[in-house]
Amino acid sequence: MAKTRRDPKGRSLKKGESFLAKKQIYRYVYTDVLGMRRYVYSKNLLDLRDKETEIKRDDLDGIDSYAKSSCTVNYLFERYISTKTELRSSTKTGYIYTYNRYIRETLGKRKIGEVKYSEIKYFYSSQLGKGLSLNTISGMNRIIVSMFNLAVRDDVIRKNPASGAFAEIKKTVKERAVRHALTYEEETEFLSCLEQPRYIRWKPLFIFMFGTGCRVGETIGIRWEDIDFESGEVEINHDITYCPREALDFRCEYEVGPPKTMAGIRTIPLMAKVKEVLWEEKERQEKYGCHNKDVVDGMSGFAFFNRYGGLHKPSAINKQIARIVDDHNSTETVRAAKEGREPLIIPRFSCHVTRHTFCSRLCENGTNIKLIQQIMGHSDIRTTMDIYAEVTKEKTQAVFQKLNEEDVL
């Protein structure tokens, strides 16, 4: 009968277990599914046995215990991104840029099997604390969840530790994350600012954005040949991105690509004001011989250009919005004080809010939901419905407020 092995405390050691006296540590030896001998260590026998139980459980479920314990999250990302051959160049580069900037030197160094739900949640919270926006963290979450989904499918881990973590964080900062459309009065006031000499050159661009709901990449990529003045329509069949390119050591460059989704390929009717402003801009360019000089991926003849004759950068458009808004608000505050009234303050907003505002105006006018989805190029009608619900809620509150004021009951 074989002699029972015991540790220094007199406890019986099971098969595969041993106590290394020189290092004062416990060891468990096992053979993995590939026939390779593997080792796990612990200073505590009970902790070692917890690891043994996990290994045996993983073996029964077909989980790759060795990969789980030895591979880092960084390794998982490299494997994940190499499988994403269907991504647009700009999207893939964006994923790599986001991962390298925010995840690689933090969560990325952790072992795949060691990452827990609470750690993911804490990671997101800490990024919020550093001043990152919820949208940026949402982009990080998209990558992290997809990576760990791949690990689950590869039988490296049993479940995704990131599942639901971002939703929990989002609940606590929901109000901060909402992009509110401009009210009719705010939109009108902003557009009136464009009549000032120092902002007049921006008028065609912003009238187009507010009047079509196009994404900023679609807007800067619009060519004169995409606009049919006779039928009064503009065709959206591509967009232009300006972001770091992996092939250029992550230097920023313009690139032509398809719209964000297949639903983004669409034709938008031009409202009279939009058509008029575009026609005036076309005539002005022809009269003075000024035009966009850029050629991107063989494409040229872009309708809008900056003061250097090139394509606008989205960041530059956002900065210009901020200048106009700040200028208006400071002037309006003084003017309102002199006139003894409340000032009409325009909230700071981004390019995307022009799109959200256009969609809200359509909803306010009772436009058919499916038609709004088609015009906006939303691939998922839930996106349209979310905006519609927000607008409907505000209209309902306004109606009841009016009933209260009129005391109809």
Protein backbone atom coordinates (compact mmCIF):
# COMPACT_ATOMS: atom_id res chain seq x y z
CA MET A 1 0.00 0.00 0.00
CA ALA A 2 1.44 3.35 -1.07
CA LYS A 3 2.40 5.72 1.70
CA THR A 4 0.15 8.78 1.99
CA ARG A 5 2.03 12.02 1.38
CA ARG A 6 1.39 14.86 3.82
CA ASP A 7 2.21 18.57 4.04
CA PRO A 8 4.01 20.18 7.04
CA LYS A 9 0.63 20.57 8.81
CA GLY A 10 -0.06 16.85 8.50
CA ARG A 11 -2.75 17.17 5.83
CA SER A 12 -2.98 14.42 3.22
CA LEU A 13 -1.97 15.46 -0.30
CA LYS A 14 -3.99 14.23 -3.27
CA LYS A 15 -2.69 12.85 -6.53
CA GLY A 16 -0.73 15.53 -8.40
CA GLU A 17 -0.25 17.64 -5.29
CA SER A 18 3.10 18.23 -3.60
CA PHE A 19 4.74 20.63 -1.16
CA LEU A 20 8.04 22.20 -2.22
CA ALA A 21 9.85 22.63 1.09
CA LYS A 22 12.64 24.87 -0.25
CA LYS A 23 10.17 27.39 -1.70
CA GLN A 24 7.48 26.79 0.93
CA ILE A 25 4.84 26.51 -1.75
CA TYR A 26 2.26 23.97 -2.94
CA ARG A 27 2.22 22.63 -6.47
CA TYR A 28 -0.33 20.77 -8.56
CA VAL A 29 0.78 18.88 -11.67
CA TYR A 30 -1.68 17.88 -14.41
CA THR A 31 -1.74 16.95 -18.10
CA ASP A 32 -3.66 19.20 -20.49
CA VAL A 33 -5.75 18.13 -23.50
CA LEU A 34 -2.65 18.23 -25.71
CA GLY A 35 -0.74 15.84 -23.43
CA MET A 36 1.53 18.58 -22.03
CA ARG A 37 2.44 18.66 -18.34
CA ARG A 38 1.25 21.85 -16.66
CA TYR A 39 1.86 23.28 -13.19
CA VAL A 40 -0.05 25.59 -10.89
CA TYR A 41 1.26 26.95 -7.60
CA SER A 42 -0.10 28.46 -4.40
CA LYS A 43 1.14 29.27 -0.91
CA ASN A 44 -2.13 27.93 0.47
CA LEU A 45 -3.36 24.36 0.04
CA LEU A 46 -7.05 25.32 0.02
CA ASP A 47 -6.39 27.93 -2.66
CA LEU A 48 -4.47 25.33 -4.69
CA ARG A 49 -7.43 22.96 -4.50
CA ASP A 50 -9.77 25.71 -5.69
CA LYS A 51 -7.53 26.01 -8.74
CA GLU A 52 -7.60 22.22 -9.19
CA THR A 53 -11.39 22.23 -9.12
CA GLU A 54 -11.48 24.98 -11.73
CA ILE A 55 -9.04 23.09 -13.96
CA LYS A 56 -11.10 19.88 -13.74
CA ARG A 57 -14.30 21.83 -14.39
CA ASP A 58 -12.72 23.52 -17.39
CA ASP A 59 -11.54 20.13 -18.67
CA LEU A 60 -15.07 18.73 -18.50
CA ASP A 61 -16.43 21.80 -20.33
CA GLY A 62 -13.67 21.79 -22.93
CA ILE A 63 -12.18 25.07 -21.66
CA ASP A 64 -8.53 25.71 -22.57
CA SER A 65 -7.11 26.14 -19.05
CA TYR A 66 -3.55 26.81 -20.18
CA ALA A 67 -4.56 29.59 -22.56
CA LYS A 68 -6.79 31.09 -19.87
CA SER A 69 -3.99 31.18 -17.32
CA SER A 70 -1.07 32.23 -19.53
CA CYS A 71 -2.40 34.48 -22.31
CA THR A 72 -2.92 38.19 -21.72
CA VAL A 73 -5.77 40.40 -22.86
CA ASN A 74 -3.30 42.02 -25.27
CA TYR A 75 -2.76 38.66 -26.93
CA LEU A 76 -6.52 38.20 -27.16
CA PHE A 77 -6.89 41.58 -28.88
CA GLU A 78 -4.27 40.72 -31.49
CA ARG A 79 -6.12 37.51 -32.28
CA TYR A 80 -9.48 39.30 -32.35
CA ILE A 81 -8.42 42.16 -34.64
CA SER A 82 -6.75 39.74 -37.06
CA THR A 83 -10.15 38.08 -37.63
CA LYS A 84 -11.99 41.35 -38.41
CA THR A 85 -11.34 41.35 -42.15
CA GLU A 86 -14.82 42.74 -42.87
CA LEU A 87 -14.22 46.04 -41.06
CA ARG A 88 -13.79 49.29 -42.96
CA SER A 89 -10.21 50.55 -42.91
CA SER A 90 -11.17 53.57 -40.81
CA THR A 91 -13.14 51.43 -38.34
CA LYS A 92 -10.32 48.92 -37.89
CA THR A 93 -7.78 51.69 -37.42
CA GLY A 94 -10.10 53.31 -34.89
CA TYR A 95 -10.32 50.07 -32.92
CA ILE A 96 -6.52 49.73 -32.85
CA TYR A 97 -6.05 53.37 -31.88
CA THR A 98 -8.61 53.15 -29.06
CA TYR A 99 -7.16 49.89 -27.75
CA ASN A 100 -3.56 51.11 -27.80
CA ARG A 101 -4.40 54.41 -26.13
CA TYR A 102 -6.72 53.27 -23.34
CA ILE A 103 -6.48 49.50 -22.84
CA ARG A 104 -3.09 48.06 -23.82
CA GLU A 105 -1.09 49.36 -20.86
CA THR A 106 -3.87 48.89 -18.32
CA LEU A 107 -6.38 46.06 -18.62
CA GLY A 108 -4.42 44.63 -21.54
CA LYS A 109 -1.65 43.32 -19.31
CA ARG A 110 -4.01 41.14 -17.27
CA LYS A 111 -4.29 37.40 -17.86
CA ILE A 112 -7.49 36.46 -19.71
CA GLY A 113 -8.70 34.09 -17.01
CA GLU A 114 -8.07 36.56 -14.20
CA VAL A 115 -10.31 39.35 -15.50
CA LYS A 116 -13.57 39.60 -13.56
CA TYR A 117 -16.80 41.53 -14.06
CA SER A 118 -16.04 43.84 -11.14
CA GLU A 119 -12.63 44.66 -12.61
CA ILE A 120 -14.14 45.64 -15.97
CA LYS A 121 -16.72 47.81 -14.20
CA TYR A 122 -14.04 49.47 -12.07
CA PHE A 123 -11.94 50.05 -15.19
CA TYR A 124 -14.80 51.91 -16.89
CA SER A 125 -15.49 53.95 -13.76
CA SER A 126 -11.84 54.95 -13.48
CA GLN A 127 -11.84 56.11 -17.10
CA LEU A 128 -14.89 58.26 -16.40
CA GLY A 129 -13.01 59.70 -13.45
CA LYS A 130 -10.17 60.70 -15.77
CA GLY A 131 -12.59 62.77 -17.81
CA LEU A 132 -13.32 60.41 -20.69
CA SER A 133 -16.76 60.76 -22.25
CA LEU A 134 -19.34 58.00 -22.10
CA ASN A 135 -19.13 57.72 -25.89
CA THR A 136 -15.40 56.98 -25.70
CA ILE A 137 -15.96 54.33 -23.04
CA SER A 138 -18.77 52.88 -25.16
CA GLY A 139 -16.24 52.44 -27.97
CA MET A 140 -13.83 50.73 -25.58
CA ASN A 141 -16.62 48.47 -24.34
CA ARG A 142 -17.52 47.46 -27.90
CA ILE A 143 -13.97 46.18 -28.39
CA ILE A 144 -13.64 44.51 -24.98
CA VAL A 145 -16.96 42.67 -25.19
CA SER A 146 -16.17 41.42 -28.71
CA MET A 147 -12.72 40.22 -27.66
CA PHE A 148 -14.01 38.22 -24.73
CA ASN A 149 -16.86 36.82 -26.86
CA LEU A 150 -14.14 35.40 -29.10
CA ALA A 151 -12.43 33.87 -26.06
CA VAL A 152 -15.73 32.26 -25.03
CA ARG A 153 -16.23 30.81 -28.50
CA ASP A 154 -12.65 29.52 -28.52
CA ASP A 155 -13.34 27.73 -25.20
CA VAL A 156 -10.69 29.75 -23.41
CA ILE A 157 -13.14 31.11 -20.82
CA ARG A 158 -16.62 30.04 -19.77
CA LYS A 159 -18.40 33.39 -19.83
CA ASN A 160 -17.75 36.98 -20.88
CA PRO A 161 -16.63 39.08 -17.86
CA ALA A 162 -17.50 42.33 -19.67
CA SER A 163 -21.12 41.41 -20.32
CA GLY A 164 -23.40 44.02 -18.76
CA ALA A 165 -20.60 46.07 -17.15
CA PHE A 166 -21.02 49.11 -19.38
CA ALA A 167 -24.80 49.06 -18.99
CA GLU A 168 -24.33 49.39 -15.23
CA ILE A 169 -21.97 52.33 -15.65
CA LYS A 170 -24.27 53.96 -18.18
CA LYS A 171 -27.16 54.00 -15.71
CA THR A 172 -25.24 56.28 -13.36
CA VAL A 173 -24.42 58.87 -16.03
CA LYS A 174 -27.38 58.49 -18.37
CA GLU A 175 -28.29 62.16 -18.39
CA ARG A 176 -24.76 63.19 -19.28
CA ALA A 177 -24.78 60.86 -22.26
CA VAL A 178 -27.95 62.09 -23.95
CA ARG A 179 -27.45 64.17 -27.08
CA HIS A 180 -30.34 66.61 -27.06
CA ALA A 181 -31.44 68.21 -30.30
CA LEU A 182 -31.56 71.98 -30.52
CA THR A 183 -34.98 73.52 -30.10
CA TYR A 184 -36.52 75.32 -33.05
CA GLU A 185 -35.62 78.67 -31.45
CA GLU A 186 -32.01 77.62 -30.77
CA GLU A 187 -31.58 76.30 -34.31
CA THR A 188 -33.05 79.48 -35.83
CA GLU A 189 -30.84 81.66 -33.65
CA PHE A 190 -27.69 79.73 -34.60
CA LEU A 191 -28.45 79.94 -38.32
CA SER A 192 -29.13 83.67 -38.03
CA CYS A 193 -25.57 84.09 -36.71
CA LEU A 194 -24.30 82.88 -40.09
CA GLU A 195 -25.47 86.10 -41.72
CA GLN A 196 -22.66 87.96 -39.97
CA PRO A 197 -19.73 88.77 -42.31
CA ARG A 198 -17.19 86.81 -40.24
CA TYR A 199 -19.31 83.64 -40.39
CA ILE A 200 -20.98 83.95 -43.81
CA ARG A 201 -18.58 81.50 -45.47
CA TRP A 202 -19.86 78.77 -43.14
CA LYS A 203 -23.50 79.33 -44.12
CA PRO A 204 -23.75 76.79 -47.01
CA LEU A 205 -22.16 74.03 -44.92
CA PHE A 206 -24.35 74.47 -41.84
CA ILE A 207 -27.56 75.06 -43.81
CA PHE A 208 -26.83 71.76 -45.60
CA MET A 209 -26.15 69.89 -42.35
CA PHE A 210 -29.23 71.20 -40.55
CA GLY A 211 -31.38 70.78 -43.68
CA THR A 212 -30.45 67.23 -44.68
CA GLY A 213 -29.41 65.46 -41.47
CA CYS A 214 -26.29 64.13 -43.16
CA ARG A 215 -23.45 62.77 -41.06
CA VAL A 216 -20.37 64.98 -40.98
CA GLY A 217 -18.38 62.51 -43.13
CA GLU A 218 -21.17 62.47 -45.70
CA THR A 219 -21.32 66.27 -45.67
CA ILE A 220 -17.63 66.96 -46.27
CA GLY A 221 -17.67 64.29 -48.98
CA ILE A 222 -20.58 65.78 -50.97
CA ARG A 223 -19.64 66.58 -54.59
CA TRP A 224 -21.48 68.86 -56.96
CA GLU A 225 -22.26 65.83 -59.11
CA ASP A 226 -24.12 64.27 -56.17
CA ILE A 227 -26.56 67.21 -56.15
CA ASP A 228 -29.39 67.23 -58.71
CA PHE A 229 -30.76 70.76 -58.76
CA GLU A 230 -33.39 69.86 -61.35
CA SER A 231 -35.03 67.14 -59.25
CA GLY A 232 -34.09 68.86 -55.99
CA GLU A 233 -32.30 65.85 -54.46
CA VAL A 234 -28.89 64.91 -53.14
CA GLU A 235 -27.53 61.37 -53.44
CA ILE A 236 -25.58 59.96 -50.49
CA ASN A 237 -23.38 57.10 -51.72
CA HIS A 238 -20.08 57.61 -49.88
CA ASP A 239 -18.48 59.43 -47.00
CA ILE A 240 -15.03 60.71 -46.11
CA THR A 241 -13.23 59.91 -42.89
CA TYR A 242 -10.25 61.74 -41.44
CA CYS A 243 -8.52 59.63 -38.84
CA PRO A 244 -5.27 57.73 -38.08
CA ARG A 245 -4.36 55.10 -40.68
CA GLU A 246 -2.61 51.90 -39.60
CA ALA A 247 -0.68 51.73 -42.88
CA LEU A 248 0.72 55.23 -42.29
CA ASP A 249 1.99 54.72 -38.73
CA PHE A 250 -1.34 56.08 -37.52
CA ARG A 251 -0.92 59.46 -39.17
CA CYS A 252 -4.26 61.08 -40.01
CA GLU A 253 -5.39 61.07 -43.61
CA TYR A 254 -8.63 61.43 -45.59
CA GLU A 255 -10.18 58.31 -47.06
CA VAL A 256 -13.29 57.69 -49.16
CA GLY A 257 -15.53 54.84 -48.08
CA PRO A 258 -19.14 53.71 -48.16
CA PRO A 259 -21.62 55.30 -45.74
CA LYS A 260 -21.65 54.04 -42.15
CA THR A 261 -24.24 51.36 -42.99
CA MET A 262 -25.87 50.00 -46.15
CA ALA A 263 -28.98 51.98 -45.17
CA GLY A 264 -26.79 55.07 -45.44
CA ILE A 265 -26.91 54.84 -49.23
CA ARG A 266 -29.96 57.00 -49.92
CA THR A 267 -31.43 59.99 -51.73
CA ILE A 268 -32.55 63.01 -49.71
CA PRO A 269 -34.99 65.65 -51.03
CA LEU A 270 -33.61 69.18 -50.74
CA MET A 271 -35.72 71.74 -48.94
CA ALA A 272 -36.10 75.05 -50.80
CA LYS A 273 -33.73 76.91 -48.45
CA VAL A 274 -31.03 74.25 -48.78
CA LYS A 275 -31.34 74.14 -52.57
CA GLU A 276 -31.18 77.94 -52.78
CA VAL A 277 -28.06 78.22 -50.63
CA LEU A 278 -26.28 75.43 -52.55
CA TRP A 279 -27.10 77.04 -55.89
CA GLU A 280 -25.78 80.41 -54.69
CA GLU A 281 -22.58 78.73 -53.46
CA LYS A 282 -22.09 76.94 -56.79
CA GLU A 283 -22.54 80.21 -58.71
CA ARG A 284 -20.13 81.99 -56.35
CA GLN A 285 -17.46 79.36 -56.88
CA GLU A 286 -17.87 79.55 -60.66
CA LYS A 287 -17.83 83.36 -60.65
CA TYR A 288 -14.64 83.69 -58.61
CA GLY A 289 -12.96 80.50 -59.84
CA CYS A 290 -12.60 79.07 -56.34
CA HIS A 291 -13.20 75.41 -55.68
CA ASN A 292 -12.10 72.47 -53.57
CA LYS A 293 -8.64 71.42 -54.74
CA ASP A 294 -8.43 68.08 -52.94
CA VAL A 295 -8.46 64.71 -54.69
CA VAL A 296 -9.13 61.75 -52.39
CA ASP A 297 -8.92 58.22 -53.75
CA GLY A 298 -9.52 59.58 -57.24
CA MET A 299 -12.58 61.57 -56.14
CA SER A 300 -12.77 65.35 -56.57
CA GLY A 301 -15.24 68.21 -57.11
CA PHE A 302 -16.28 68.45 -53.46
CA ALA A 303 -18.87 71.14 -52.74
CA PHE A 304 -17.45 72.48 -49.48
CA PHE A 305 -13.91 73.58 -48.69
CA ASN A 306 -11.96 75.37 -45.99
CA ARG A 307 -10.05 78.64 -46.32
CA TYR A 308 -7.08 76.74 -47.76
CA GLY A 309 -9.17 75.19 -50.53
CA GLY A 310 -9.14 71.70 -48.99
CA LEU A 311 -11.61 69.42 -47.25
CA HIS A 312 -12.96 70.34 -43.85
CA LYS A 313 -11.86 68.33 -40.83
CA PRO A 314 -14.72 67.29 -38.49
CA SER A 315 -12.78 68.68 -35.53
CA ALA A 316 -12.44 72.05 -37.28
CA ILE A 317 -16.20 72.19 -37.87
CA ASN A 318 -16.83 71.43 -34.18
CA LYS A 319 -14.43 74.21 -33.17
CA GLN A 320 -16.22 76.65 -35.44
CA ILE A 321 -19.58 75.71 -33.91
CA ALA A 322 -18.12 76.45 -30.48
CA ARG A 323 -16.84 79.87 -31.65
CA ILE A 324 -20.20 80.86 -33.11
CA VAL A 325 -22.13 79.65 -30.05
CA ASP A 326 -19.81 81.35 -27.55
CA ASP A 327 -19.81 84.57 -29.54
CA HIS A 328 -23.60 84.58 -29.75
CA ASN A 329 -24.11 83.77 -26.07
CA SER A 330 -21.80 86.50 -24.80
CA THR A 331 -23.43 89.11 -27.07
CA GLU A 332 -26.96 87.87 -26.35
CA THR A 333 -26.41 88.00 -22.58
CA VAL A 334 -25.47 91.69 -22.75
CA ARG A 335 -28.26 92.52 -25.22
CA ALA A 336 -30.92 90.75 -23.13
CA ALA A 337 -29.82 92.55 -19.97
CA LYS A 338 -30.21 95.91 -21.68
CA GLU A 339 -33.66 94.93 -23.00
CA GLY A 340 -34.81 93.50 -19.67
CA ARG A 341 -35.53 89.97 -20.91
CA GLU A 342 -34.19 86.43 -20.56
CA PRO A 343 -31.35 85.70 -23.02
CA LEU A 344 -31.75 82.98 -25.65
CA ILE A 345 -28.67 80.90 -24.89
CA ILE A 346 -27.59 78.28 -27.42
CA PRO A 347 -26.05 75.18 -25.78
CA ARG A 348 -22.71 74.02 -27.09
CA PHE A 349 -23.18 71.17 -29.54
CA SER A 350 -21.28 68.97 -31.97
CA CYS A 351 -21.68 68.15 -35.66
CA HIS A 352 -23.80 65.13 -34.82
CA VAL A 353 -26.39 67.29 -33.07
CA THR A 354 -27.23 68.91 -36.41
CA ARG A 355 -28.29 65.46 -37.61
CA HIS A 356 -30.23 64.78 -34.41
CA THR A 357 -31.92 68.16 -34.73
CA PHE A 358 -33.00 67.51 -38.33
CA CYS A 359 -34.49 64.18 -37.29
CA SER A 360 -36.31 65.87 -34.40
CA ARG A 361 -37.84 68.45 -36.76
CA LEU A 362 -39.15 65.62 -38.95
CA CYS A 363 -40.64 63.91 -35.89
CA GLU A 364 -42.24 67.14 -34.68
CA ASN A 365 -43.97 67.53 -38.01
CA GLY A 366 -45.52 64.07 -37.78
CA THR A 367 -43.50 62.58 -40.62
CA ASN A 368 -43.98 58.83 -41.16
CA ILE A 369 -41.51 56.82 -39.04
CA LYS A 370 -40.37 54.58 -41.91
CA LEU A 371 -39.82 57.63 -44.11
CA ILE A 372 -37.72 59.27 -41.38
CA GLN A 373 -35.66 56.09 -41.07
CA GLN A 374 -35.08 56.08 -44.83
CA ILE A 375 -34.10 59.75 -45.02
CA MET A 376 -31.79 59.49 -42.01
CA GLY A 377 -30.18 56.26 -43.21
CA HIS A 378 -30.77 54.48 -39.89
CA SER A 379 -30.09 50.77 -40.28
CA ASP A 380 -32.12 50.01 -37.13
CA ILE A 381 -35.54 51.60 -36.75
CA ARG A 382 -35.03 51.57 -32.97
CA THR A 383 -32.63 54.49 -33.44
CA THR A 384 -35.39 56.43 -35.16
CA MET A 385 -37.94 55.38 -32.55
CA ASP A 386 -35.71 56.57 -29.68
CA ILE A 387 -35.57 60.07 -31.17
CA TYR A 388 -39.29 59.98 -31.97
CA ALA A 389 -40.08 58.95 -28.38
CA GLU A 390 -37.98 61.81 -26.98
CA VAL A 391 -39.69 64.36 -29.25
CA THR A 392 -43.16 62.94 -28.51
CA LYS A 393 -42.51 63.15 -24.77
CA GLU A 394 -41.54 66.82 -25.04
CA LYS A 395 -44.56 67.61 -27.23
CA THR A 396 -46.88 65.85 -24.77
CA GLN A 397 -45.49 67.86 -21.87
CA ALA A 398 -45.89 71.08 -23.88
CA VAL A 399 -49.53 70.25 -24.72
CA PHE A 400 -50.41 69.55 -21.09
CA GLN A 401 -48.59 72.68 -19.97
CA LYS A 402 -50.73 74.68 -22.38
CA LEU A 403 -53.89 73.01 -21.08
CA ASN A 404 -52.86 73.91 -17.54
CA GLU A 405 -52.27 77.52 -18.51
CA GLU A 406 -55.64 77.74 -20.29
CA ASP A 407 -57.38 76.01 -17.38
CA VAL A 408 -59.62 74.04 -19.75
CA LEU A 409 -60.91 71.71 -17.04
